[in-house]
Amino acid sequence: MKLTDIRTMTEEEISLAEVNVSEELFHLRFQHHTGQLSNTSVLNDTKKTLARILTVKHERGLGITKQPGEEG
């Protein structure tokens, strides 16, 4: 998921994406520790996606960036 895609999401969509990506990361870590994960680069990609989501969420909380549809 790209940063531009995340920035166009509403607050509800971002919260839902955060939950989904967090669950996906949990499952990937579990697979990695049990030896079932063959492509470990997926772990890093998922961590980066979660970091992007949390960054946009934090920026909006501080008022640095605007939500889609906001004027100003």
C-alpha atoms as a PDB file:
ATOM      1  CA  MET A   1       0.000   0.000   0.000  1.00  0.00           C
ATOM      2  CA  LYS A   2       1.445   3.328  -1.035  1.00  0.00           C
ATOM      3  CA  LEU A   3       1.479   6.472   1.056  1.00  0.00           C
ATOM      4  CA  THR A   4      -0.689   8.340  -1.444  1.00  0.00           C
ATOM      5  CA  ASP A   5      -3.318   5.604  -1.153  1.00  0.00           C
ATOM      6  CA  ILE A   6      -3.295   5.858   2.627  1.00  0.00           C
ATOM      7  CA  ARG A   7      -3.562   9.654   2.578  1.00  0.00           C
ATOM      8  CA  THR A   8      -6.748   9.466   0.493  1.00  0.00           C
ATOM      9  CA  MET A   9      -8.452   7.183   3.048  1.00  0.00           C
ATOM     10  CA  THR A  10     -10.945   8.375   5.629  1.00  0.00           C
ATOM     11  CA  GLU A  11     -10.356   7.892   9.364  1.00  0.00           C
ATOM     12  CA  GLU A  12     -12.570   4.798   9.451  1.00  0.00           C
ATOM     13  CA  GLU A  13     -10.744   3.232   6.516  1.00  0.00           C
ATOM     14  CA  ILE A  14      -7.376   3.945   8.135  1.00  0.00           C
ATOM     15  CA  SER A  15      -8.469   2.356  11.407  1.00  0.00           C
ATOM     16  CA  LEU A  16      -9.730  -0.708   9.568  1.00  0.00           C
ATOM     17  CA  ALA A  17      -6.529  -0.947   7.526  1.00  0.00           C
ATOM     18  CA  GLU A  18      -4.468  -0.685  10.732  1.00  0.00           C
ATOM     19  CA  VAL A  19      -6.331  -3.621  12.270  1.00  0.00           C
ATOM     20  CA  ASN A  20      -6.045  -5.708   9.103  1.00  0.00           C
ATOM     21  CA  VAL A  21      -2.329  -5.053   8.632  1.00  0.00           C
ATOM     22  CA  SER A  22      -1.616  -5.717  12.321  1.00  0.00           C
ATOM     23  CA  GLU A  23      -3.398  -9.077  12.105  1.00  0.00           C
ATOM     24  CA  GLU A  24      -1.548  -9.916   8.899  1.00  0.00           C
ATOM     25  CA  LEU A  25       1.775  -9.067  10.553  1.00  0.00           C
ATOM     26  CA  PHE A  26       0.909 -11.321  13.512  1.00  0.00           C
ATOM     27  CA  HIS A  27       0.137 -14.232  11.202  1.00  0.00           C
ATOM     28  CA  LEU A  28       3.293 -13.666   9.169  1.00  0.00           C
ATOM     29  CA  ARG A  29       5.445 -13.606  12.312  1.00  0.00           C
ATOM     30  CA  PHE A  30       3.811 -16.803  13.499  1.00  0.00           C
ATOM     31  CA  GLN A  31       4.475 -18.482  10.145  1.00  0.00           C
ATOM     32  CA  HIS A  32       8.073 -17.266  10.197  1.00  0.00           C
ATOM     33  CA  HIS A  33       8.756 -18.711  13.640  1.00  0.00           C
ATOM     34  CA  THR A  34       7.197 -22.048  12.751  1.00  0.00           C
ATOM     35  CA  GLY A  35       9.202 -22.251   9.522  1.00  0.00           C
ATOM     36  CA  GLN A  36       6.206 -22.029   7.191  1.00  0.00           C
ATOM     37  CA  LEU A  37       7.075 -18.651   5.647  1.00  0.00           C
ATOM     38  CA  SER A  38       9.148 -19.025   2.493  1.00  0.00           C
ATOM     39  CA  ASN A  39       9.317 -15.357   1.453  1.00  0.00           C
ATOM     40  CA  THR A  40      10.520 -13.383   4.466  1.00  0.00           C
ATOM     41  CA  SER A  41      10.596 -10.059   2.623  1.00  0.00           C
ATOM     42  CA  VAL A  42       6.830  -9.942   3.106  1.00  0.00           C
ATOM     43  CA  LEU A  43       7.493  -9.283   6.801  1.00  0.00           C
ATOM     44  CA  ASN A  44       9.432  -6.098   6.079  1.00  0.00           C
ATOM     45  CA  ASP A  45       6.856  -4.889   3.554  1.00  0.00           C
ATOM     46  CA  THR A  46       4.044  -5.414   6.059  1.00  0.00           C
ATOM     47  CA  LYS A  47       5.958  -3.604   8.813  1.00  0.00           C
ATOM     48  CA  LYS A  48       6.541  -0.646   6.503  1.00  0.00           C
ATOM     49  CA  THR A  49       2.878  -0.530   5.525  1.00  0.00           C
ATOM     50  CA  LEU A  50       1.849  -0.497   9.186  1.00  0.00           C
ATOM     51  CA  ALA A  51       4.354   2.289   9.875  1.00  0.00           C
ATOM     52  CA  ARG A  52       2.926   4.346   6.991  1.00  0.00           C
ATOM     53  CA  ILE A  53      -0.611   3.906   8.313  1.00  0.00           C
ATOM     54  CA  LEU A  54       0.400   4.909  11.832  1.00  0.00           C
ATOM     55  CA  THR A  55       2.339   7.908  10.516  1.00  0.00           C
ATOM     56  CA  VAL A  56      -0.645   9.280   8.597  1.00  0.00           C
ATOM     57  CA  LYS A  57      -2.890   8.649  11.599  1.00  0.00           C
ATOM     58  CA  HIS A  58      -0.484  10.538  13.860  1.00  0.00           C
ATOM     59  CA  GLU A  59      -0.111  13.422  11.392  1.00  0.00           C
ATOM     60  CA  ARG A  60      -3.869  13.836  11.253  1.00  0.00           C
ATOM     61  CA  GLY A  61      -4.056  13.764  15.034  1.00  0.00           C
ATOM     62  CA  LEU A  62      -1.556  16.604  15.203  1.00  0.00           C
ATOM     63  CA  GLY A  63      -3.292  18.508  12.422  1.00  0.00           C
ATOM     64  CA  ILE A  64      -0.299  18.379  10.091  1.00  0.00           C
ATOM     65  CA  THR A  65      -2.273  16.906   7.194  1.00  0.00           C
ATOM     66  CA  LYS A  66      -5.937  17.199   6.322  1.00  0.00           C
ATOM     67  CA  GLN A  67      -8.453  14.453   5.853  1.00  0.00           C
ATOM     68  CA  PRO A  68      -9.841  13.962   2.355  1.00  0.00           C
ATOM     69  CA  GLY A  69     -12.637  16.429   1.715  1.00  0.00           C
ATOM     70  CA  GLU A  70     -11.519  18.946   4.334  1.00  0.00           C
ATOM     71  CA  GLU A  71     -11.047  22.511   3.217  1.00  0.00           C
ATOM     72  CA  GLY A  72      -8.380  24.798   4.410  1.00  0.00           C
END
